[in-house]
Amino acid sequence: MFGFSLTKLLFTTVAVLAVWYGYRWIGRVQARRQAELEEHMRRETRQASKRGPDRSGGTAKAEDLVPCETCGAYVPTRGARNCGRADCPYLG
C-alpha cells in the first residue's frame, strides 16, 4: 500500500516536471512582458525628448501646505477653504 510502484514513481516524476516547466514558462512570459514594457518606456522617452519641453502651458508649480489648527488636515497656504467645522479658521 505505501510501497514504491512504477505508477507512483512515474506520476510523481510527471508532476514534478510539470511544475518545473510551468514555473519556467511563467518566468519567460514575465521576462518578455518586462522587456516589452522597458522598450515601450524607452520609445516614449525618446519621443518626449524629440518633442521638446512640455507644451501644456509650462511646468506645474508646487504649493506649500500648512496643517489646519482645528482639524489637522493639510491645506494650501493660499486659497484654503472652510472644512465645515464651526471653529475652522478659514473662510469660504
N, C-alpha and C. Protein backbone atom coordinates (compact mmCIF):
# COMPACT_ATOMS: atom_id res chain seq x y z
N MET A 1 0.82 -1.19 0.00
CA MET A 1 0.00 0.00 0.00
C MET A 1 0.86 1.26 0.00
N PHE A 2 1.86 1.33 0.88
CA PHE A 2 2.71 2.51 0.93
C PHE A 2 4.04 2.28 0.23
N GLY A 3 4.18 1.21 -0.45
CA GLY A 3 5.44 0.88 -1.12
C GLY A 3 5.58 1.65 -2.41
N PHE A 4 6.75 1.52 -3.01
CA PHE A 4 7.01 2.17 -4.28
C PHE A 4 6.51 1.29 -5.41
N SER A 5 5.90 1.92 -6.36
CA SER A 5 5.48 1.19 -7.56
C SER A 5 5.86 2.05 -8.75
N LEU A 6 5.91 1.43 -9.89
CA LEU A 6 6.28 2.15 -11.10
C LEU A 6 5.27 3.25 -11.40
N THR A 7 4.00 3.01 -11.17
CA THR A 7 2.96 4.00 -11.45
C THR A 7 3.12 5.23 -10.56
N LYS A 8 3.36 5.02 -9.27
CA LYS A 8 3.53 6.15 -8.35
C LYS A 8 4.78 6.95 -8.70
N LEU A 9 5.85 6.24 -9.03
CA LEU A 9 7.10 6.91 -9.39
C LEU A 9 6.95 7.74 -10.65
N LEU A 10 6.30 7.18 -11.67
CA LEU A 10 6.08 7.92 -12.92
C LEU A 10 5.17 9.12 -12.70
N PHE A 11 4.10 8.93 -11.93
CA PHE A 11 3.19 10.05 -11.66
C PHE A 11 3.91 11.18 -10.93
N THR A 12 4.71 10.84 -9.93
CA THR A 12 5.46 11.85 -9.17
C THR A 12 6.44 12.57 -10.07
N THR A 13 7.12 11.85 -10.94
CA THR A 13 8.08 12.46 -11.87
C THR A 13 7.37 13.40 -12.83
N VAL A 14 6.24 12.97 -13.36
CA VAL A 14 5.48 13.81 -14.29
C VAL A 14 4.98 15.07 -13.58
N ALA A 15 4.51 14.92 -12.35
CA ALA A 15 4.01 16.09 -11.60
C ALA A 15 5.12 17.08 -11.32
N VAL A 16 6.29 16.59 -10.92
CA VAL A 16 7.42 17.48 -10.63
C VAL A 16 7.87 18.18 -11.91
N LEU A 17 7.95 17.46 -13.01
CA LEU A 17 8.36 18.08 -14.27
C LEU A 17 7.33 19.10 -14.75
N ALA A 18 6.04 18.82 -14.57
CA ALA A 18 5.01 19.77 -14.97
C ALA A 18 5.12 21.07 -14.18
N VAL A 19 5.34 20.95 -12.88
CA VAL A 19 5.50 22.15 -12.06
C VAL A 19 6.77 22.90 -12.46
N TRP A 20 7.85 22.19 -12.68
CA TRP A 20 9.13 22.81 -13.06
C TRP A 20 8.99 23.58 -14.38
N TYR A 21 8.44 22.92 -15.40
CA TYR A 21 8.29 23.59 -16.69
C TYR A 21 7.24 24.71 -16.62
N GLY A 22 6.24 24.55 -15.78
CA GLY A 22 5.26 25.63 -15.60
C GLY A 22 5.90 26.89 -15.04
N TYR A 23 6.75 26.74 -14.03
CA TYR A 23 7.45 27.89 -13.47
C TYR A 23 8.39 28.52 -14.49
N ARG A 24 9.07 27.68 -15.27
CA ARG A 24 9.96 28.23 -16.30
C ARG A 24 9.17 29.01 -17.33
N TRP A 25 8.01 28.47 -17.74
CA TRP A 25 7.19 29.16 -18.73
C TRP A 25 6.68 30.49 -18.19
N ILE A 26 6.22 30.50 -16.95
CA ILE A 26 5.74 31.74 -16.33
C ILE A 26 6.88 32.76 -16.24
N GLY A 27 8.07 32.31 -15.90
CA GLY A 27 9.23 33.21 -15.84
C GLY A 27 9.54 33.83 -17.19
N ARG A 28 9.46 33.03 -18.26
CA ARG A 28 9.72 33.57 -19.60
C ARG A 28 8.66 34.58 -20.00
N VAL A 29 7.40 34.30 -19.68
CA VAL A 29 6.31 35.24 -20.02
C VAL A 29 6.52 36.56 -19.27
N GLN A 30 6.87 36.48 -17.99
CA GLN A 30 7.11 37.71 -17.23
C GLN A 30 8.32 38.47 -17.75
N ALA A 31 9.37 37.77 -18.13
CA ALA A 31 10.56 38.43 -18.68
C ALA A 31 10.24 39.11 -20.00
N ARG A 32 9.44 38.45 -20.84
CA ARG A 32 9.06 39.04 -22.11
C ARG A 32 8.22 40.30 -21.89
N ARG A 33 7.27 40.23 -20.94
CA ARG A 33 6.44 41.41 -20.65
C ARG A 33 7.28 42.56 -20.11
N GLN A 34 8.25 42.24 -19.24
CA GLN A 34 9.12 43.27 -18.69
C GLN A 34 9.95 43.91 -19.79
N ALA A 35 10.46 43.10 -20.72
CA ALA A 35 11.26 43.64 -21.82
C ALA A 35 10.40 44.52 -22.72
N GLU A 36 9.16 44.11 -22.98
CA GLU A 36 8.27 44.94 -23.79
C GLU A 36 7.96 46.26 -23.10
N LEU A 37 7.75 46.21 -21.79
CA LEU A 37 7.47 47.43 -21.03
C LEU A 37 8.66 48.37 -21.06
N GLU A 38 9.86 47.82 -20.87
CA GLU A 38 11.05 48.67 -20.90
C GLU A 38 11.25 49.28 -22.28
N GLU A 39 11.02 48.50 -23.34
CA GLU A 39 11.15 49.03 -24.70
C GLU A 39 10.11 50.12 -24.94
N HIS A 40 8.89 49.93 -24.46
CA HIS A 40 7.85 50.95 -24.61
C HIS A 40 8.26 52.23 -23.88
N MET A 41 8.78 52.08 -22.67
CA MET A 41 9.20 53.27 -21.91
C MET A 41 10.35 53.97 -22.62
N ARG A 42 11.28 53.19 -23.20
CA ARG A 42 12.39 53.81 -23.93
C ARG A 42 11.88 54.59 -25.14
N ARG A 43 10.92 54.01 -25.88
CA ARG A 43 10.36 54.71 -27.03
C ARG A 43 9.64 55.97 -26.61
N GLU A 44 8.87 55.90 -25.52
CA GLU A 44 8.16 57.09 -25.02
C GLU A 44 9.15 58.18 -24.61
N THR A 45 10.24 57.78 -23.97
CA THR A 45 11.24 58.75 -23.55
C THR A 45 11.89 59.42 -24.76
N ARG A 46 12.21 58.59 -25.78
CA ARG A 46 12.81 59.15 -26.99
C ARG A 46 11.86 60.11 -27.68
N GLN A 47 10.58 59.74 -27.77
CA GLN A 47 9.60 60.62 -28.42
C GLN A 47 9.41 61.90 -27.63
N ALA A 48 9.41 61.80 -26.32
CA ALA A 48 9.25 63.01 -25.49
C ALA A 48 10.45 63.92 -25.65
N SER A 49 11.64 63.36 -25.77
CA SER A 49 12.83 64.21 -25.93
C SER A 49 12.85 64.85 -27.31
N LYS A 50 12.28 64.18 -28.31
CA LYS A 50 12.21 64.77 -29.65
C LYS A 50 11.20 65.91 -29.70
N ARG A 51 10.11 65.77 -28.93
CA ARG A 51 9.07 66.80 -28.92
C ARG A 51 9.55 68.08 -28.25
N GLY A 52 10.50 67.96 -27.36
CA GLY A 52 10.98 69.13 -26.66
C GLY A 52 10.27 69.31 -25.34
N PRO A 53 10.32 70.52 -24.80
CA PRO A 53 9.69 70.75 -23.50
C PRO A 53 8.17 70.59 -23.57
N ASP A 54 7.59 70.42 -22.41
CA ASP A 54 6.14 70.23 -22.29
C ASP A 54 5.43 71.47 -22.82
N ARG A 55 4.49 71.28 -23.72
CA ARG A 55 3.77 72.40 -24.33
C ARG A 55 2.39 72.61 -23.72
N SER A 56 2.17 72.06 -22.55
CA SER A 56 0.84 72.16 -21.95
C SER A 56 0.70 73.42 -21.10
N GLY A 57 1.57 74.36 -21.27
CA GLY A 57 1.43 75.61 -20.55
C GLY A 57 2.50 75.81 -19.50
N GLY A 58 3.55 75.05 -19.54
CA GLY A 58 4.64 75.23 -18.59
C GLY A 58 4.70 74.12 -17.57
N THR A 59 5.51 74.35 -16.59
CA THR A 59 5.68 73.33 -15.56
C THR A 59 4.71 73.57 -14.43
N ALA A 60 4.35 72.52 -13.76
CA ALA A 60 3.46 72.62 -12.61
C ALA A 60 4.24 73.20 -11.44
N LYS A 61 3.60 74.05 -10.68
CA LYS A 61 4.26 74.68 -9.55
C LYS A 61 3.80 74.01 -8.27
N ALA A 62 4.71 73.86 -7.35
CA ALA A 62 4.39 73.25 -6.07
C ALA A 62 3.81 74.30 -5.14
N GLU A 63 2.91 73.86 -4.29
CA GLU A 63 2.31 74.75 -3.30
C GLU A 63 2.72 74.30 -1.92
N ASP A 64 2.95 75.25 -1.05
CA ASP A 64 3.24 74.93 0.34
C ASP A 64 1.94 74.63 1.07
N LEU A 65 1.99 73.62 1.93
CA LEU A 65 0.83 73.24 2.72
C LEU A 65 1.12 73.46 4.19
N VAL A 66 0.09 73.84 4.92
CA VAL A 66 0.22 74.01 6.37
C VAL A 66 -0.90 73.23 7.04
N PRO A 67 -0.66 72.69 8.23
CA PRO A 67 -1.73 71.95 8.91
C PRO A 67 -2.76 72.92 9.50
N CYS A 68 -4.02 72.55 9.37
CA CYS A 68 -5.11 73.33 9.96
C CYS A 68 -5.05 73.16 11.48
N GLU A 69 -5.19 74.27 12.23
CA GLU A 69 -5.12 74.18 13.68
C GLU A 69 -6.31 73.43 14.26
N THR A 70 -7.43 73.42 13.55
CA THR A 70 -8.64 72.80 14.07
C THR A 70 -8.69 71.29 13.80
N CYS A 71 -8.60 70.92 12.53
CA CYS A 71 -8.82 69.51 12.18
C CYS A 71 -7.52 68.77 11.88
N GLY A 72 -6.40 69.46 11.66
CA GLY A 72 -5.12 68.82 11.41
C GLY A 72 -4.88 68.47 9.95
N ALA A 73 -5.87 68.71 9.07
CA ALA A 73 -5.69 68.42 7.65
C ALA A 73 -4.75 69.45 7.04
N TYR A 74 -3.95 69.04 6.07
CA TYR A 74 -3.04 69.96 5.41
C TYR A 74 -3.80 70.71 4.32
N VAL A 75 -3.66 72.04 4.33
CA VAL A 75 -4.35 72.90 3.38
C VAL A 75 -3.32 73.82 2.74
N PRO A 76 -3.61 74.31 1.52
CA PRO A 76 -2.66 75.23 0.87
C PRO A 76 -2.57 76.54 1.65
N THR A 77 -1.40 77.17 1.58
CA THR A 77 -1.22 78.44 2.30
C THR A 77 -2.11 79.52 1.71
N ARG A 78 -2.32 79.47 0.40
CA ARG A 78 -3.21 80.43 -0.25
C ARG A 78 -4.44 79.70 -0.77
N GLY A 79 -5.60 80.24 -0.57
CA GLY A 79 -6.82 79.68 -1.12
C GLY A 79 -7.40 78.54 -0.30
N ALA A 80 -7.07 78.47 0.98
CA ALA A 80 -7.63 77.41 1.82
C ALA A 80 -9.11 77.67 2.03
N ARG A 81 -9.90 76.60 2.11
CA ARG A 81 -11.34 76.73 2.28
C ARG A 81 -11.78 76.16 3.61
N ASN A 82 -12.94 76.57 4.02
CA ASN A 82 -13.53 76.12 5.27
C ASN A 82 -13.81 74.63 5.20
N CYS A 83 -13.45 73.89 6.26
CA CYS A 83 -13.66 72.43 6.28
C CYS A 83 -15.06 72.06 6.74
N GLY A 84 -15.85 73.00 7.19
CA GLY A 84 -17.21 72.72 7.60
C GLY A 84 -17.41 72.75 9.11
N ARG A 85 -16.34 72.79 9.85
CA ARG A 85 -16.45 72.87 11.31
C ARG A 85 -16.75 74.31 11.72
N ALA A 86 -17.41 74.46 12.83
CA ALA A 86 -17.78 75.80 13.29
C ALA A 86 -16.54 76.62 13.70
N ASP A 87 -15.52 75.97 14.19
CA ASP A 87 -14.33 76.70 14.65
C ASP A 87 -13.20 76.69 13.62
N CYS A 88 -13.50 76.48 12.36
CA CYS A 88 -12.48 76.48 11.32
C CYS A 88 -11.99 77.90 11.08
N PRO A 89 -10.66 78.12 11.04
CA PRO A 89 -10.14 79.47 10.90
C PRO A 89 -10.20 80.00 9.46
N TYR A 90 -10.52 79.15 8.49
CA TYR A 90 -10.51 79.58 7.09
C TYR A 90 -11.92 79.94 6.65
N LEU A 91 -12.01 80.90 5.74
CA LEU A 91 -13.29 81.37 5.21
C LEU A 91 -13.60 80.67 3.90
N GLY A 92 -14.86 80.66 3.55
CA GLY A 92 -15.27 80.22 2.22
C GLY A 92 -15.37 78.78 2.09
